[in-house]
Amino acid sequence: MFQLGVKYDFIFTLFDNDRTGISLSWLYRRRYNTIPLFVKIGKDFTENLKHIGKEKMKEEIKNVKAYYGIHI
């Protein structure tokens, strides 16, 4: 994980939307300075795609990036 931070400016995590996934997202944020992607519709990425669709998922990711001031 440390090597990724050398090559990339921003690293996002996308864990399941359950207690374990949320805890791991915050742990990675503290430990590795990653940015968690939280979409609070379904339990995981696949469920989110089914519920809100690909375009809405892209919009959610864009919103997270804007929240952190990332414009790439």
C-alpha atoms as a PDB file:
ATOM      1  CA  MET A   1       0.000   0.000   0.000  1.00  0.00           C
ATOM      2  CA  PHE A   2       2.817   2.419   0.732  1.00  0.00           C
ATOM      3  CA  GLN A   3       4.179   2.026  -2.793  1.00  0.00           C
ATOM      4  CA  LEU A   4       0.836   3.074  -4.281  1.00  0.00           C
ATOM      5  CA  GLY A   5       1.008   6.383  -2.446  1.00  0.00           C
ATOM      6  CA  VAL A   6       4.313   7.151  -4.116  1.00  0.00           C
ATOM      7  CA  LYS A   7       2.900   6.641  -7.623  1.00  0.00           C
ATOM      8  CA  TYR A   8      -0.619   8.075  -7.177  1.00  0.00           C
ATOM      9  CA  ASP A   9      -1.798  11.307  -5.605  1.00  0.00           C
ATOM     10  CA  PHE A  10      -5.186   9.924  -4.540  1.00  0.00           C
ATOM     11  CA  ILE A  11      -6.200   6.407  -3.596  1.00  0.00           C
ATOM     12  CA  PHE A  12      -9.863   5.603  -2.989  1.00  0.00           C
ATOM     13  CA  THR A  13     -11.280   2.675  -1.030  1.00  0.00           C
ATOM     14  CA  LEU A  14     -14.591   1.043  -1.819  1.00  0.00           C
ATOM     15  CA  PHE A  15     -15.560  -1.471   0.838  1.00  0.00           C
ATOM     16  CA  ASP A  16     -18.984  -2.973   1.539  1.00  0.00           C
ATOM     17  CA  ASN A  17     -21.506  -0.703   3.215  1.00  0.00           C
ATOM     18  CA  ASP A  18     -21.686  -2.705   6.438  1.00  0.00           C
ATOM     19  CA  ARG A  19     -20.074  -2.295   9.859  1.00  0.00           C
ATOM     20  CA  THR A  20     -16.865  -4.078   8.843  1.00  0.00           C
ATOM     21  CA  GLY A  21     -16.517  -2.238   5.535  1.00  0.00           C
ATOM     22  CA  ILE A  22     -17.099   1.169   7.093  1.00  0.00           C
ATOM     23  CA  SER A  23     -14.608   0.440   9.884  1.00  0.00           C
ATOM     24  CA  LEU A  24     -11.994  -0.687   7.371  1.00  0.00           C
ATOM     25  CA  SER A  25     -12.584   2.408   5.229  1.00  0.00           C
ATOM     26  CA  TRP A  26     -11.815   4.678   8.188  1.00  0.00           C
ATOM     27  CA  LEU A  27      -8.872   2.518   9.275  1.00  0.00           C
ATOM     28  CA  TYR A  28      -7.344   2.776   5.777  1.00  0.00           C
ATOM     29  CA  ARG A  29      -7.978   6.517   5.778  1.00  0.00           C
ATOM     30  CA  ARG A  30      -6.068   6.955   9.020  1.00  0.00           C
ATOM     31  CA  ARG A  31      -3.316   4.465   8.264  1.00  0.00           C
ATOM     32  CA  TYR A  32      -2.739   4.958   4.534  1.00  0.00           C
ATOM     33  CA  ASN A  33      -4.338   8.364   3.835  1.00  0.00           C
ATOM     34  CA  THR A  34      -6.874   6.882   1.393  1.00  0.00           C
ATOM     35  CA  ILE A  35     -10.232   8.421   0.556  1.00  0.00           C
ATOM     36  CA  PRO A  36     -13.276   6.270   1.332  1.00  0.00           C
ATOM     37  CA  LEU A  37     -16.110   6.108  -1.194  1.00  0.00           C
ATOM     38  CA  PHE A  38     -19.381   5.706   0.686  1.00  0.00           C
ATOM     39  CA  VAL A  39     -22.564   5.170  -1.310  1.00  0.00           C
ATOM     40  CA  LYS A  40     -25.307   4.397   1.184  1.00  0.00           C
ATOM     41  CA  ILE A  41     -27.874   2.671  -1.005  1.00  0.00           C
ATOM     42  CA  GLY A  42     -26.988  -1.033  -1.127  1.00  0.00           C
ATOM     43  CA  LYS A  43     -24.573  -3.279   0.725  1.00  0.00           C
ATOM     44  CA  ASP A  44     -21.879  -3.284  -1.938  1.00  0.00           C
ATOM     45  CA  PHE A  45     -20.851  -1.762  -5.248  1.00  0.00           C
ATOM     46  CA  THR A  46     -22.856  -4.262  -7.321  1.00  0.00           C
ATOM     47  CA  GLU A  47     -26.067  -3.579  -5.388  1.00  0.00           C
ATOM     48  CA  ASN A  48     -25.502   0.148  -5.780  1.00  0.00           C
ATOM     49  CA  LEU A  49     -25.191  -0.257  -9.550  1.00  0.00           C
ATOM     50  CA  LYS A  50     -28.458  -2.217  -9.624  1.00  0.00           C
ATOM     51  CA  HIS A  51     -30.301   0.362  -7.509  1.00  0.00           C
ATOM     52  CA  ILE A  52     -29.017   3.651  -8.886  1.00  0.00           C
ATOM     53  CA  GLY A  53     -27.361   2.750 -12.212  1.00  0.00           C
ATOM     54  CA  LYS A  54     -23.970   3.469 -13.702  1.00  0.00           C
ATOM     55  CA  GLU A  55     -24.495   7.176 -14.396  1.00  0.00           C
ATOM     56  CA  LYS A  56     -25.715   7.923 -10.862  1.00  0.00           C
ATOM     57  CA  MET A  57     -22.769   5.945  -9.450  1.00  0.00           C
ATOM     58  CA  LYS A  58     -20.379   8.055 -11.532  1.00  0.00           C
ATOM     59  CA  GLU A  59     -22.101  11.170 -10.175  1.00  0.00           C
ATOM     60  CA  GLU A  60     -21.701   9.919  -6.583  1.00  0.00           C
ATOM     61  CA  ILE A  61     -17.978   9.327  -7.153  1.00  0.00           C
ATOM     62  CA  LYS A  62     -17.664  12.782  -8.714  1.00  0.00           C
ATOM     63  CA  ASN A  63     -19.355  14.267  -5.614  1.00  0.00           C
ATOM     64  CA  VAL A  64     -16.895  12.530  -3.288  1.00  0.00           C
ATOM     65  CA  LYS A  65     -13.987  13.821  -5.347  1.00  0.00           C
ATOM     66  CA  ALA A  66     -15.402  17.360  -5.262  1.00  0.00           C
ATOM     67  CA  TYR A  67     -15.884  17.119  -1.492  1.00  0.00           C
ATOM     68  CA  TYR A  68     -12.160  16.404  -1.112  1.00  0.00           C
ATOM     69  CA  GLY A  69     -11.208  19.093  -3.659  1.00  0.00           C
ATOM     70  CA  ILE A  70     -10.052  16.599  -6.293  1.00  0.00           C
ATOM     71  CA  HIS A  71     -10.658  17.763  -9.839  1.00  0.00           C
ATOM     72  CA  ILE A  72      -9.189  15.070 -12.058  1.00  0.00           C
END
